[in-house]
Amino acid sequence: LEILVTILNENDNSPVFAQPNLSRDVPEDTKVDTAIVAREEVSASDADLDTIYYELTTTVQDTDGYFAIRGVNNPEIYLQKALDYDKFHSTTLLLYARDRPVSSPDPTNTATATISITIEQSDTRAPWFLPCTRLHNDSSVCISSPYSGRVNISEMSMDPLLLEPGPIYAVDPDYTINDRIVYSIVGGNRDEVFSVDADTGNLTMNKIVTTPDSFLLQVMATQVSNIRKYSVATVEIKVINKSNFPPYFEKKVYNGTVFVGLPRKSFVYQAGDPSTPLVITAMDQDFPDV
């Protein structure tokens, strides 16, 4: 008598990840749809030879949607949305492997792999001239005000020019890279009157100015290791006559009269002459006709 015995496979084994803990460094400028972790590295095995179903989640708030898997049976992890280093620097992904679909009523065995993602800041932004104001909806832009200064006509200044709202200064906003900045004048410098120090941004004079026309300089800040990253700021230099004398009042004491009950913005009148408004005047010998 021959007896044929068939052994039925029971689902008594859980899926197993070869590497339950992985880490990846991902550059900020990685293109969308790029594979971050290959399928072979995160595929689970099952001694029961069951079909494996995968699900990917994140444990860090506000990092949903950036990473995904190719499909329910394909655990390759790829970048689904463009990264922004200012929004988050790292995240942790959990990859679940199940030997039954999520909707299956049968008992399911599950394995979990942890993938730690670290975002590396990339050189994505041009230099910022300071001070500047960042836009709330765009962290890559910081708006600076034009610089302004003045020089005396027919007078040579040997010191760096004083500017408002401050000296010429730019930084690399990709602060973990912090590339060195160099400065140059790229426009508005007629007759080469001015020079800018490439390292400090100090603006100095090469020669005197003989006309009262203002200068509108364009100063460029360039990253040393990436010359394609640069910004241009405007520097207005006004040419004025030198002031040799302080202004002075025509009188040392002015006397006025007001009346009770007058409305706001009413005139103050000269003392002793209630029909003539009180006028306070000053003069300056540098401007005798003004």
Foldseek 3Di string as FASTA:
>chain_A
DDDDDDDDQDQPWAWAAPAQEAEFEAEQADDFPAFGAAQVNGDTDTPSRAQKFKDKDWDDPPPPQQWGAPHRRGRGITGHDHGDVVVDFKTKMKMKIWRDDPPDPDDIHIDIGIYIYGYDYDQDEFKDWPDFDADPVDRRDTHDDFKEFEDEAPDFDPDFTAIPPGATDIWRPSVVVTFAKFKFWDDQCPPVQWGAGGRPRGIHGPHGHHDQDKTWIWMKIAGPVDRVRIDIHIYIYGYHHDAPWDKAWPDPDFDWDDDPPDDPPDFTCGVPDNVHGGDTDIDGPVCRPD
